[in-house]
Amino acid sequence: MKKAMKSPPRGPGRILFEDFLAPRGITPLQFGGKLDFSQREMDALLSGDRRVDAELARKFAEILGTSVDFWLHLQAQADSYEARQQNTEPPRLVLDKTGIPNPFNLLR
C-alpha cells in the first residue's frame, strides 16, 4: 500500500499561476477576462476552491497551448490526494459464508 503524500500536490490553479501566468507577466484578472471569469471566480480557481473540469481544461489548452489532459491530470492528482486524506481508516473486510473476504461486502 502506498503511503499518503506528506504535502498536497500543486493543483491546477497554482500551476496555472506559477508556471504560466506569472512568468509571462499575465495577471489573473487579464487571464480571467479571456475565460469570462469574475475576480471571485479567478480567486476560487487559483486557490483550488474551483475544480478544473473538462470544459475549463479545454479553454486552458486552447489559450495556453497545452493539452486538455495536462489540466485534467493535475485535477485528478489533487482530487486523489484529497480522497486519501479523508480515508483515514481502511475498509473492514466482511467474510462471506465460505470465510473468504468478499470485496462486494465493502459496498454495504
PDB file of N, CA and C in Angstrom:
ATOM      1  N   MET A   1       0.847  -1.181   0.000  1.00  0.00           N
ATOM      2  CA  MET A   1       0.000   0.000   0.000  1.00  0.00           C
ATOM      3  C   MET A   1       0.890   1.240   0.000  1.00  0.00           C
ATOM      4  N   LYS A   2       0.572   2.201  -0.847  1.00  0.00           N
ATOM      5  CA  LYS A   2       1.340   3.435  -0.929  1.00  0.00           C
ATOM      6  C   LYS A   2       1.078   4.305   0.290  1.00  0.00           C
ATOM      7  N   LYS A   3       2.120   5.002   0.716  1.00  0.00           N
ATOM      8  CA  LYS A   3       1.955   5.976   1.781  1.00  0.00           C
ATOM      9  C   LYS A   3       1.341   7.245   1.196  1.00  0.00           C
ATOM     10  N   ALA A   4       0.550   7.927   2.002  1.00  0.00           N
ATOM     11  CA  ALA A   4      -0.036   9.191   1.559  1.00  0.00           C
ATOM     12  C   ALA A   4       1.068  10.230   1.401  1.00  0.00           C
ATOM     13  N   MET A   5       0.900  11.107   0.439  1.00  0.00           N
ATOM     14  CA  MET A   5       1.866  12.178   0.246  1.00  0.00           C
ATOM     15  C   MET A   5       1.907  13.050   1.488  1.00  0.00           C
ATOM     16  N   LYS A   6       3.102  13.518   1.844  1.00  0.00           N
ATOM     17  CA  LYS A   6       3.227  14.377   3.016  1.00  0.00           C
ATOM     18  C   LYS A   6       2.650  15.764   2.761  1.00  0.00           C
ATOM     19  N   SER A   7       2.811  16.267   1.581  1.00  0.00           N
ATOM     20  CA  SER A   7       2.247  17.571   1.260  1.00  0.00           C
ATOM     21  C   SER A   7       1.388  17.445   0.008  1.00  0.00           C
ATOM     22  N   PRO A   8       0.386  18.289  -0.084  1.00  0.00           N
ATOM     23  CA  PRO A   8      -0.511  18.187  -1.240  1.00  0.00           C
ATOM     24  C   PRO A   8       0.218  18.538  -2.535  1.00  0.00           C
ATOM     25  N   PRO A   9      -0.219  17.929  -3.629  1.00  0.00           N
ATOM     26  CA  PRO A   9       0.373  18.284  -4.923  1.00  0.00           C
ATOM     27  C   PRO A   9      -0.050  19.700  -5.302  1.00  0.00           C
ATOM     28  N   ARG A  10       0.744  20.320  -6.131  1.00  0.00           N
ATOM     29  CA  ARG A  10       0.341  21.640  -6.636  1.00  0.00           C
ATOM     30  C   ARG A  10      -0.865  21.416  -7.544  1.00  0.00           C
ATOM     31  N   GLY A  11      -1.936  22.062  -7.228  1.00  0.00           N
ATOM     32  CA  GLY A  11      -3.157  21.908  -8.010  1.00  0.00           C
ATOM     33  C   GLY A  11      -3.100  22.706  -9.293  1.00  0.00           C
ATOM     34  N   PRO A  12      -4.088  22.514 -10.153  1.00  0.00           N
ATOM     35  CA  PRO A  12      -4.088  23.198 -11.439  1.00  0.00           C
ATOM     36  C   PRO A  12      -4.098  24.721 -11.325  1.00  0.00           C
ATOM     37  N   GLY A  13      -4.782  25.273 -10.339  1.00  0.00           N
ATOM     38  CA  GLY A  13      -4.817  26.728 -10.184  1.00  0.00           C
ATOM     39  C   GLY A  13      -3.453  27.294  -9.833  1.00  0.00           C
ATOM     40  N   ARG A  14      -2.771  26.602  -8.949  1.00  0.00           N
ATOM     41  CA  ARG A  14      -1.432  27.055  -8.543  1.00  0.00           C
ATOM     42  C   ARG A  14      -0.442  26.940  -9.697  1.00  0.00           C
ATOM     43  N   ILE A  15      -0.513  25.844 -10.429  1.00  0.00           N
ATOM     44  CA  ILE A  15       0.371  25.668 -11.582  1.00  0.00           C
ATOM     45  C   ILE A  15       0.048  26.695 -12.659  1.00  0.00           C
ATOM     46  N   LEU A  16      -1.233  26.957 -12.857  1.00  0.00           N
ATOM     47  CA  LEU A  16      -1.629  27.984 -13.818  1.00  0.00           C
ATOM     48  C   LEU A  16      -0.933  29.301 -13.488  1.00  0.00           C
ATOM     49  N   PHE A  17      -1.014  29.699 -12.228  1.00  0.00           N
ATOM     50  CA  PHE A  17      -0.427  30.982 -11.850  1.00  0.00           C
ATOM     51  C   PHE A  17       1.100  30.946 -11.870  1.00  0.00           C
ATOM     52  N   GLU A  18       1.694  29.957 -11.191  1.00  0.00           N
ATOM     53  CA  GLU A  18       3.149  29.926 -11.023  1.00  0.00           C
ATOM     54  C   GLU A  18       3.913  29.608 -12.306  1.00  0.00           C
ATOM     55  N   ASP A  19       3.360  28.728 -13.124  1.00  0.00           N
ATOM     56  CA  ASP A  19       4.107  28.255 -14.294  1.00  0.00           C
ATOM     57  C   ASP A  19       3.687  28.902 -15.612  1.00  0.00           C
ATOM     58  N   PHE A  20       2.508  29.504 -15.656  1.00  0.00           N
ATOM     59  CA  PHE A  20       2.026  30.056 -16.915  1.00  0.00           C
ATOM     60  C   PHE A  20       1.779  31.565 -16.861  1.00  0.00           C
ATOM     61  N   LEU A  21       1.061  32.033 -15.848  1.00  0.00           N
ATOM     62  CA  LEU A  21       0.709  33.444 -15.819  1.00  0.00           C
ATOM     63  C   LEU A  21       1.863  34.327 -15.339  1.00  0.00           C
ATOM     64  N   ALA A  22       2.361  34.061 -14.146  1.00  0.00           N
ATOM     65  CA  ALA A  22       3.408  34.914 -13.572  1.00  0.00           C
ATOM     66  C   ALA A  22       4.640  35.036 -14.473  1.00  0.00           C
ATOM     67  N   PRO A  23       5.168  33.929 -15.015  1.00  0.00           N
ATOM     68  CA  PRO A  23       6.348  34.071 -15.876  1.00  0.00           C
ATOM     69  C   PRO A  23       6.095  34.901 -17.138  1.00  0.00           C
ATOM     70  N   ARG A  24       4.863  34.966 -17.584  1.00  0.00           N
ATOM     71  CA  ARG A  24       4.525  35.716 -18.793  1.00  0.00           C
ATOM     72  C   ARG A  24       4.026  37.129 -18.479  1.00  0.00           C
ATOM     73  N   GLY A  25       3.978  37.465 -17.185  1.00  0.00           N
ATOM     74  CA  GLY A  25       3.516  38.787 -16.791  1.00  0.00           C
ATOM     75  C   GLY A  25       2.028  38.989 -16.999  1.00  0.00           C
ATOM     76  N   ILE A  26       1.264  37.904 -16.992  1.00  0.00           N
ATOM     77  CA  ILE A  26      -0.185  37.969 -17.163  1.00  0.00           C
ATOM     78  C   ILE A  26      -0.832  37.961 -15.784  1.00  0.00           C
ATOM     79  N   THR A  27      -1.676  38.920 -15.517  1.00  0.00           N
ATOM     80  CA  THR A  27      -2.356  38.961 -14.223  1.00  0.00           C
ATOM     81  C   THR A  27      -3.541  37.994 -14.240  1.00  0.00           C
ATOM     82  N   PRO A  28      -3.934  37.522 -13.070  1.00  0.00           N
ATOM     83  CA  PRO A  28      -5.128  36.681 -13.007  1.00  0.00           C
ATOM     84  C   PRO A  28      -6.360  37.371 -13.595  1.00  0.00           C
ATOM     85  N   LEU A  29      -6.455  38.668 -13.404  1.00  0.00           N
ATOM     86  CA  LEU A  29      -7.603  39.398 -13.941  1.00  0.00           C
ATOM     87  C   LEU A  29      -7.593  39.405 -15.475  1.00  0.00           C
ATOM     88  N   GLN A  30      -6.417  39.566 -16.065  1.00  0.00           N
ATOM     89  CA  GLN A  30      -6.306  39.521 -17.528  1.00  0.00           C
ATOM     90  C   GLN A  30      -6.695  38.135 -18.052  1.00  0.00           C
ATOM     91  N   PHE A  31      -6.178  37.103 -17.411  1.00  0.00           N
ATOM     92  CA  PHE A  31      -6.487  35.745 -17.850  1.00  0.00           C
ATOM     93  C   PHE A  31      -7.971  35.447 -17.629  1.00  0.00           C
ATOM     94  N   GLY A  32      -8.496  35.906 -16.503  1.00  0.00           N
ATOM     95  CA  GLY A  32      -9.914  35.716 -16.222  1.00  0.00           C
ATOM     96  C   GLY A  32     -10.795  36.355 -17.281  1.00  0.00           C
ATOM     97  N   GLY A  33     -10.329  37.465 -17.847  1.00  0.00           N
ATOM     98  CA  GLY A  33     -11.083  38.110 -18.920  1.00  0.00           C
ATOM     99  C   GLY A  33     -11.209  37.220 -20.144  1.00  0.00           C
ATOM    100  N   LYS A  34     -10.169  36.446 -20.432  1.00  0.00           N
ATOM    101  CA  LYS A  34     -10.221  35.511 -21.568  1.00  0.00           C
ATOM    102  C   LYS A  34     -11.201  34.375 -21.303  1.00  0.00           C
ATOM    103  N   LEU A  35     -11.398  34.061 -20.018  1.00  0.00           N
ATOM    104  CA  LEU A  35     -12.317  32.980 -19.637  1.00  0.00           C
ATOM    105  C   LEU A  35     -13.719  33.495 -19.334  1.00  0.00           C
ATOM    106  N   ASP A  36     -13.885  34.821 -19.325  1.00  0.00           N
ATOM    107  CA  ASP A  36     -15.128  35.453 -18.909  1.00  0.00           C
ATOM    108  C   ASP A  36     -15.414  35.128 -17.442  1.00  0.00           C
ATOM    109  N   PHE A  37     -14.343  35.160 -16.623  1.00  0.00           N
ATOM    110  CA  PHE A  37     -14.438  34.896 -15.183  1.00  0.00           C
ATOM    111  C   PHE A  37     -14.384  36.209 -14.431  1.00  0.00           C
ATOM    112  N   SER A  38     -15.117  36.278 -13.341  1.00  0.00           N
ATOM    113  CA  SER A  38     -15.032  37.417 -12.439  1.00  0.00           C
ATOM    114  C   SER A  38     -13.782  37.275 -11.571  1.00  0.00           C
ATOM    115  N   GLN A  39     -13.470  38.326 -10.846  1.00  0.00           N
ATOM    116  CA  GLN A  39     -12.341  38.282  -9.902  1.00  0.00           C
ATOM    117  C   GLN A  39     -12.548  37.146  -8.895  1.00  0.00           C
ATOM    118  N   ARG A  40     -13.769  37.025  -8.398  1.00  0.00           N
ATOM    119  CA  ARG A  40     -14.087  35.984  -7.413  1.00  0.00           C
ATOM    120  C   ARG A  40     -13.877  34.587  -8.000  1.00  0.00           C
ATOM    121  N   GLU A  41     -14.306  34.381  -9.241  1.00  0.00           N
ATOM    122  CA  GLU A  41     -14.128  33.068  -9.886  1.00  0.00           C
ATOM    123  C   GLU A  41     -12.645  32.752 -10.084  1.00  0.00           C
ATOM    124  N   MET A  42     -11.862  33.768 -10.466  1.00  0.00           N
ATOM    125  CA  MET A  42     -10.425  33.548 -10.641  1.00  0.00           C
ATOM    126  C   MET A  42      -9.757  33.245  -9.308  1.00  0.00           C
ATOM    127  N   ASP A  43     -10.147  33.947  -8.255  1.00  0.00           N
ATOM    128  CA  ASP A  43      -9.595  33.677  -6.928  1.00  0.00           C
ATOM    129  C   ASP A  43      -9.886  32.240  -6.503  1.00  0.00           C
ATOM    130  N   ALA A  44     -11.124  31.786  -6.751  1.00  0.00           N
ATOM    131  CA  ALA A  44     -11.506  30.417  -6.397  1.00  0.00           C
ATOM    132  C   ALA A  44     -10.694  29.404  -7.206  1.00  0.00           C
ATOM    133  N   LEU A  45     -10.467  29.703  -8.465  1.00  0.00           N
ATOM    134  CA  LEU A  45      -9.690  28.805  -9.320  1.00  0.00           C
ATOM    135  C   LEU A  45      -8.241  28.716  -8.848  1.00  0.00           C
ATOM    136  N   LEU A  46      -7.628  29.859  -8.597  1.00  0.00           N
ATOM    137  CA  LEU A  46      -6.219  29.876  -8.207  1.00  0.00           C
ATOM    138  C   LEU A  46      -5.986  29.298  -6.820  1.00  0.00           C
ATOM    139  N   SER A  47      -6.973  29.410  -5.951  1.00  0.00           N
ATOM    140  CA  SER A  47      -6.829  28.876  -4.594  1.00  0.00           C
ATOM    141  C   SER A  47      -7.164  27.389  -4.507  1.00  0.00           C
ATOM    142  N   GLY A  48      -7.712  26.828  -5.578  1.00  0.00           N
ATOM    143  CA  GLY A  48      -8.073  25.412  -5.563  1.00  0.00           C
ATOM    144  C   GLY A  48      -9.494  25.157  -5.114  1.00  0.00           C
ATOM    145  N   ASP A  49     -10.245  26.230  -4.854  1.00  0.00           N
ATOM    146  CA  ASP A  49     -11.640  26.049  -4.438  1.00  0.00           C
ATOM    147  C   ASP A  49     -12.559  25.741  -5.611  1.00  0.00           C
ATOM    148  N   ARG A  50     -12.093  26.016  -6.816  1.00  0.00           N
ATOM    149  CA  ARG A  50     -12.856  25.662  -8.013  1.00  0.00           C
ATOM    150  C   ARG A  50     -12.075  24.600  -8.775  1.00  0.00           C
ATOM    151  N   ARG A  51     -12.765  23.518  -9.116  1.00  0.00           N
ATOM    152  CA  ARG A  51     -12.138  22.412  -9.840  1.00  0.00           C
ATOM    153  C   ARG A  51     -12.008  22.746 -11.321  1.00  0.00           C
ATOM    154  N   VAL A  52     -11.039  22.106 -11.947  1.00  0.00           N
ATOM    155  CA  VAL A  52     -10.889  22.223 -13.398  1.00  0.00           C
ATOM    156  C   VAL A  52     -11.628  21.044 -14.022  1.00  0.00           C
ATOM    157  N   ASP A  53     -12.725  21.343 -14.704  1.00  0.00           N
ATOM    158  CA  ASP A  53     -13.483  20.298 -15.386  1.00  0.00           C
ATOM    159  C   ASP A  53     -13.033  20.232 -16.848  1.00  0.00           C
ATOM    160  N   ALA A  54     -13.641  19.361 -17.610  1.00  0.00           N
ATOM    161  CA  ALA A  54     -13.215  19.140 -18.998  1.00  0.00           C
ATOM    162  C   ALA A  54     -13.339  20.409 -19.847  1.00  0.00           C
ATOM    163  N   GLU A  55     -14.401  21.154 -19.669  1.00  0.00           N
ATOM    164  CA  GLU A  55     -14.598  22.366 -20.466  1.00  0.00           C
ATOM    165  C   GLU A  55     -13.552  23.425 -20.128  1.00  0.00           C
ATOM    166  N   LEU A  56     -13.271  23.599 -18.850  1.00  0.00           N
ATOM    167  CA  LEU A  56     -12.263  24.573 -18.441  1.00  0.00           C
ATOM    168  C   LEU A  56     -10.874  24.121 -18.897  1.00  0.00           C
ATOM    169  N   ALA A  57     -10.596  22.826 -18.810  1.00  0.00           N
ATOM    170  CA  ALA A  57      -9.321  22.293 -19.286  1.00  0.00           C
ATOM    171  C   ALA A  57      -9.162  22.553 -20.790  1.00  0.00           C
ATOM    172  N   ARG A  58     -10.250  22.444 -21.537  1.00  0.00           N
ATOM    173  CA  ARG A  58     -10.209  22.724 -22.975  1.00  0.00           C
ATOM    174  C   ARG A  58      -9.875  24.187 -23.234  1.00  0.00           C
ATOM    175  N   LYS A  59     -10.468  25.068 -22.447  1.00  0.00           N
ATOM    176  CA  LYS A  59     -10.180  26.501 -22.609  1.00  0.00           C
ATOM    177  C   LYS A  59      -8.724  26.806 -22.266  1.00  0.00           C
ATOM    178  N   PHE A  60      -8.234  26.234 -21.169  1.00  0.00           N
ATOM    179  CA  PHE A  60      -6.820  26.428 -20.801  1.00  0.00           C
ATOM    180  C   PHE A  60      -5.912  25.956 -21.921  1.00  0.00           C
ATOM    181  N   ALA A  61      -6.198  24.774 -22.444  1.00  0.00           N
ATOM    182  CA  ALA A  61      -5.367  24.199 -23.503  1.00  0.00           C
ATOM    183  C   ALA A  61      -5.343  25.102 -24.728  1.00  0.00           C
ATOM    184  N   GLU A  62      -6.492  25.615 -25.087  1.00  0.00           N
ATOM    185  CA  GLU A  62      -6.603  26.485 -26.261  1.00  0.00           C
ATOM    186  C   GLU A  62      -5.832  27.796 -26.057  1.00  0.00           C
ATOM    187  N   ILE A  63      -5.996  28.401 -24.900  1.00  0.00           N
ATOM    188  CA  ILE A  63      -5.365  29.689 -24.625  1.00  0.00           C
ATOM    189  C   ILE A  63      -3.863  29.557 -24.409  1.00  0.00           C
ATOM    190  N   LEU A  64      -3.452  28.504 -23.700  1.00  0.00           N
ATOM    191  CA  LEU A  64      -2.053  28.375 -23.280  1.00  0.00           C
ATOM    192  C   LEU A  64      -1.215  27.451 -24.162  1.00  0.00           C
ATOM    193  N   GLY A  65      -1.847  26.774 -25.102  1.00  0.00           N
ATOM    194  CA  GLY A  65      -1.107  25.874 -25.982  1.00  0.00           C
ATOM    195  C   GLY A  65      -0.655  24.596 -25.302  1.00  0.00           C
ATOM    196  N   THR A  66      -1.470  24.131 -24.374  1.00  0.00           N
ATOM    197  CA  THR A  66      -1.180  22.872 -23.676  1.00  0.00           C
ATOM    198  C   THR A  66      -2.202  21.837 -24.122  1.00  0.00           C
ATOM    199  N   SER A  67      -2.183  20.683 -23.466  1.00  0.00           N
ATOM    200  CA  SER A  67      -3.200  19.674 -23.767  1.00  0.00           C
ATOM    201  C   SER A  67      -4.304  19.711 -22.716  1.00  0.00           C
ATOM    202  N   VAL A  68      -5.460  19.254 -23.092  1.00  0.00           N
ATOM    203  CA  VAL A  68      -6.573  19.119 -22.153  1.00  0.00           C
ATOM    204  C   VAL A  68      -6.189  18.137 -21.057  1.00  0.00           C
ATOM    205  N   ASP A  69      -5.551  17.041 -21.451  1.00  0.00           N
ATOM    206  CA  ASP A  69      -5.170  16.004 -20.489  1.00  0.00           C
ATOM    207  C   ASP A  69      -4.237  16.529 -19.411  1.00  0.00           C
ATOM    208  N   PHE A  70      -3.378  17.461 -19.751  1.00  0.00           N
ATOM    209  CA  PHE A  70      -2.456  18.040 -18.769  1.00  0.00           C
ATOM    210  C   PHE A  70      -3.236  18.606 -17.578  1.00  0.00           C
ATOM    211  N   TRP A  71      -4.253  19.399 -17.859  1.00  0.00           N
ATOM    212  CA  TRP A  71      -5.028  20.039 -16.799  1.00  0.00           C
ATOM    213  C   TRP A  71      -5.911  19.047 -16.057  1.00  0.00           C
ATOM    214  N   LEU A  72      -6.494  18.113 -16.791  1.00  0.00           N
ATOM    215  CA  LEU A  72      -7.337  17.105 -16.138  1.00  0.00           C
ATOM    216  C   LEU A  72      -6.513  16.192 -15.241  1.00  0.00           C
ATOM    217  N   HIS A  73      -5.290  15.890 -15.655  1.00  0.00           N
ATOM    218  CA  HIS A  73      -4.407  15.065 -14.834  1.00  0.00           C
ATOM    219  C   HIS A  73      -4.046  15.792 -13.536  1.00  0.00           C
ATOM    220  N   LEU A  74      -3.750  17.075 -13.631  1.00  0.00           N
ATOM    221  CA  LEU A  74      -3.440  17.850 -12.431  1.00  0.00           C
ATOM    222  C   LEU A  74      -4.626  17.848 -11.467  1.00  0.00           C
ATOM    223  N   GLN A  75      -5.834  18.002 -12.006  1.00  0.00           N
ATOM    224  CA  GLN A  75      -7.024  17.989 -11.155  1.00  0.00           C
ATOM    225  C   GLN A  75      -7.222  16.616 -10.531  1.00  0.00           C
ATOM    226  N   ALA A  76      -6.977  15.563 -11.308  1.00  0.00           N
ATOM    227  CA  ALA A  76      -7.124  14.198 -10.783  1.00  0.00           C
ATOM    228  C   ALA A  76      -6.127  13.944  -9.652  1.00  0.00           C
ATOM    229  N   GLN A  77      -4.907  14.444  -9.783  1.00  0.00           N
ATOM    230  CA  GLN A  77      -3.918  14.287  -8.709  1.00  0.00           C
ATOM    231  C   GLN A  77      -4.388  14.988  -7.437  1.00  0.00           C
ATOM    232  N   ALA A  78      -4.906  16.195  -7.585  1.00  0.00           N
ATOM    233  CA  ALA A  78      -5.395  16.942  -6.426  1.00  0.00           C
ATOM    234  C   ALA A  78      -6.589  16.225  -5.793  1.00  0.00           C
ATOM    235  N   ASP A  79      -7.497  15.729  -6.615  1.00  0.00           N
ATOM    236  CA  ASP A  79      -8.672  15.007  -6.110  1.00  0.00           C
ATOM    237  C   ASP A  79      -8.255  13.731  -5.389  1.00  0.00           C
ATOM    238  N   SER A  80      -7.300  13.015  -5.964  1.00  0.00           N
ATOM    239  CA  SER A  80      -6.816  11.773  -5.367  1.00  0.00           C
ATOM    240  C   SER A  80      -6.181  12.039  -4.007  1.00  0.00           C
ATOM    241  N   TYR A  81      -5.391  13.080  -3.912  1.00  0.00           N
ATOM    242  CA  TYR A  81      -4.762  13.445  -2.645  1.00  0.00           C
ATOM    243  C   TYR A  81      -5.836  13.732  -1.597  1.00  0.00           C
ATOM    244  N   GLU A  82      -6.834  14.525  -1.971  1.00  0.00           N
ATOM    245  CA  GLU A  82      -7.911  14.860  -1.037  1.00  0.00           C
ATOM    246  C   GLU A  82      -8.656  13.612  -0.577  1.00  0.00           C
ATOM    247  N   ALA A  83      -8.919  12.703  -1.498  1.00  0.00           N
ATOM    248  CA  ALA A  83      -9.630  11.465  -1.146  1.00  0.00           C
ATOM    249  C   ALA A  83      -8.816  10.625  -0.167  1.00  0.00           C
ATOM    250  N   ARG A  84      -7.508  10.563  -0.400  1.00  0.00           N
ATOM    251  CA  ARG A  84      -6.655   9.790   0.518  1.00  0.00           C
ATOM    252  C   ARG A  84      -6.615  10.424   1.902  1.00  0.00           C
ATOM    253  N   GLN A  85      -6.673  11.732   1.973  1.00  0.00           N
ATOM    254  CA  GLN A  85      -6.651  12.413   3.266  1.00  0.00           C
ATOM    255  C   GLN A  85      -7.932  12.141   4.049  1.00  0.00           C
ATOM    256  N   GLN A  86      -9.036  11.966   3.366  1.00  0.00           N
ATOM    257  CA  GLN A  86     -10.312  11.727   4.029  1.00  0.00           C
ATOM    258  C   GLN A  86     -10.485  10.271   4.441  1.00  0.00           C
ATOM    259  N   ASN A  87      -9.776   9.365   3.796  1.00  0.00           N
ATOM    260  CA  ASN A  87      -9.892   7.939   4.091  1.00  0.00           C
ATOM    261  C   ASN A  87      -8.801   7.552   5.087  1.00  0.00           C
ATOM    262  N   THR A  88      -9.057   7.815   6.364  1.00  0.00           N
ATOM    263  CA  THR A  88      -8.052   7.547   7.384  1.00  0.00           C
ATOM    264  C   THR A  88      -8.135   6.125   7.931  1.00  0.00           C
ATOM    265  N   GLU A  89      -9.252   5.475   7.738  1.00  0.00           N
ATOM    266  CA  GLU A  89      -9.421   4.129   8.258  1.00  0.00           C
ATOM    267  C   GLU A  89      -9.683   3.167   7.095  1.00  0.00           C
ATOM    268  N   PRO A  90      -8.898   2.074   7.017  1.00  0.00           N
ATOM    269  CA  PRO A  90      -9.133   1.140   5.907  1.00  0.00           C
ATOM    270  C   PRO A  90     -10.503   0.473   6.036  1.00  0.00           C
ATOM    271  N   PRO A  91     -11.096   0.118   4.903  1.00  0.00           N
ATOM    272  CA  PRO A  91     -12.407  -0.540   4.971  1.00  0.00           C
ATOM    273  C   PRO A  91     -12.300  -1.895   5.669  1.00  0.00           C
ATOM    274  N   ARG A  92     -13.353  -2.277   6.348  1.00  0.00           N
ATOM    275  CA  ARG A  92     -13.397  -3.547   7.059  1.00  0.00           C
ATOM    276  C   ARG A  92     -13.882  -4.628   6.103  1.00  0.00           C
ATOM    277  N   LEU A  93     -13.050  -5.652   5.942  1.00  0.00           N
ATOM    278  CA  LEU A  93     -13.445  -6.766   5.080  1.00  0.00           C
ATOM    279  C   LEU A  93     -14.452  -7.648   5.808  1.00  0.00           C
ATOM    280  N   VAL A  94     -15.489  -8.027   5.113  1.00  0.00           N
ATOM    281  CA  VAL A  94     -16.500  -8.918   5.662  1.00  0.00           C
ATOM    282  C   VAL A  94     -16.349 -10.258   4.961  1.00  0.00           C
ATOM    283  N   LEU A  95     -16.277 -11.307   5.744  1.00  0.00           N
ATOM    284  CA  LEU A  95     -16.144 -12.642   5.174  1.00  0.00           C
ATOM    285  C   LEU A  95     -17.510 -13.169   4.774  1.00  0.00           C
ATOM    286  N   ASP A  96     -17.541 -13.871   3.644  1.00  0.00           N
ATOM    287  CA  ASP A  96     -18.808 -14.481   3.250  1.00  0.00           C
ATOM    288  C   ASP A  96     -18.932 -15.846   3.926  1.00  0.00           C
ATOM    289  N   LYS A  97     -19.923 -16.627   3.567  1.00  0.00           N
ATOM    290  CA  LYS A  97     -20.184 -17.916   4.216  1.00  0.00           C
ATOM    291  C   LYS A  97     -19.011 -18.883   4.115  1.00  0.00           C
ATOM    292  N   THR A  98     -18.196 -18.724   3.070  1.00  0.00           N
ATOM    293  CA  THR A  98     -17.056 -19.627   2.887  1.00  0.00           C
ATOM    294  C   THR A  98     -15.834 -19.183   3.685  1.00  0.00           C
ATOM    295  N   GLY A  99     -15.908 -18.011   4.292  1.00  0.00           N
ATOM    296  CA  GLY A  99     -14.774 -17.494   5.050  1.00  0.00           C
ATOM    297  C   GLY A  99     -13.792 -16.710   4.195  1.00  0.00           C
ATOM    298  N   ILE A 100     -14.169 -16.466   2.949  1.00  0.00           N
ATOM    299  CA  ILE A 100     -13.303 -15.718   2.030  1.00  0.00           C
ATOM    300  C   ILE A 100     -13.773 -14.265   2.009  1.00  0.00           C
ATOM    301  N   PRO A 101     -12.819 -13.332   2.084  1.00  0.00           N
ATOM    302  CA  PRO A 101     -13.233 -11.927   2.009  1.00  0.00           C
ATOM    303  C   PRO A 101     -13.931 -11.641   0.682  1.00  0.00           C
ATOM    304  N   ASN A 102     -15.060 -11.000   0.767  1.00  0.00           N
ATOM    305  CA  ASN A 102     -15.846 -10.646  -0.413  1.00  0.00           C
ATOM    306  C   ASN A 102     -15.789  -9.128  -0.590  1.00  0.00           C
ATOM    307  N   PRO A 103     -15.079  -8.656  -1.624  1.00  0.00           N
ATOM    308  CA  PRO A 103     -14.945  -7.219  -1.784  1.00  0.00           C
ATOM    309  C   PRO A 103     -16.272  -6.503  -1.997  1.00  0.00           C
ATOM    310  N   PHE A 104     -17.294  -7.210  -2.457  1.00  0.00           N
ATOM    311  CA  PHE A 104     -18.584  -6.565  -2.669  1.00  0.00           C
ATOM    312  C   PHE A 104     -19.264  -6.216  -1.356  1.00  0.00           C
ATOM    313  N   ASN A 105     -18.828  -6.854  -0.257  1.00  0.00           N
ATOM    314  CA  ASN A 105     -19.396  -6.504   1.043  1.00  0.00           C
ATOM    315  C   ASN A 105     -18.953  -5.106   1.480  1.00  0.00           C
ATOM    316  N   LEU A 106     -17.893  -4.563   0.865  1.00  0.00           N
ATOM    317  CA  LEU A 106     -17.433  -3.227   1.207  1.00  0.00           C
ATOM    318  C   LEU A 106     -18.413  -2.159   0.708  1.00  0.00           C
ATOM    319  N   LEU A 107     -19.265  -2.539  -0.216  1.00  0.00           N
ATOM    320  CA  LEU A 107     -20.213  -1.584  -0.780  1.00  0.00           C
ATOM    321  C   LEU A 107     -21.420  -1.372   0.091  1.00  0.00           C
ATOM    322  N   ARG A 108     -21.542  -2.129   1.143  1.00  0.00           N
ATOM    323  CA  ARG A 108     -22.720  -2.016   2.026  1.00  0.00           C
ATOM    324  C   ARG A 108     -22.639  -0.809   2.911  1.00  0.00           C
TER     325      ARG A 108
END
